[in-house]
């Protein structure tokens, strides 16, 4: 990776469609507004676009932390534009200030962190993980817990 100057910016724009709405993306009980995970996706893509010109062949970057607030609703049909600005670089870790706007108002802001990876070694580790069996503790946990209709992790009777 070539050195990324502080202040480097990237953007990403998404036209909000029905599949991006909270009531379709997450749960029908929710209002017909842009889902928070989709807003975060737009912000992450803006950060990746800021980094893209500085990545060497065979490199990519994965998100490792997100801390954002979503404070205004956006209906279907609006264009949401996110901006990410590099605020810190420490080795392969890049920190961003992120924000998103729907053309009427700012709808969210916060911070995001990405780590530069070597795709070959990353994919090798991922392939090993994909071919391994789930651990005994993971299968034990799933047999000992259930998820309530609200999504809460609930102990089984007798626990």
Foldseek 3Di string as FASTA:
>chain_A
DADQDFFQKFKFKDQFDQCQACCNVPNVVDDQWGDPVVVVVRQVVRVQRSCVVVDDPQKGKDWDDDDKDFADTHHHGFMKMKMWTFHDDDPQKTKTWMWIDRVVGTGMTDMTIMGMDRNVVVVVVVVVVVPDDDDPVVVVVVVQWDADPVRDIDGDPPD
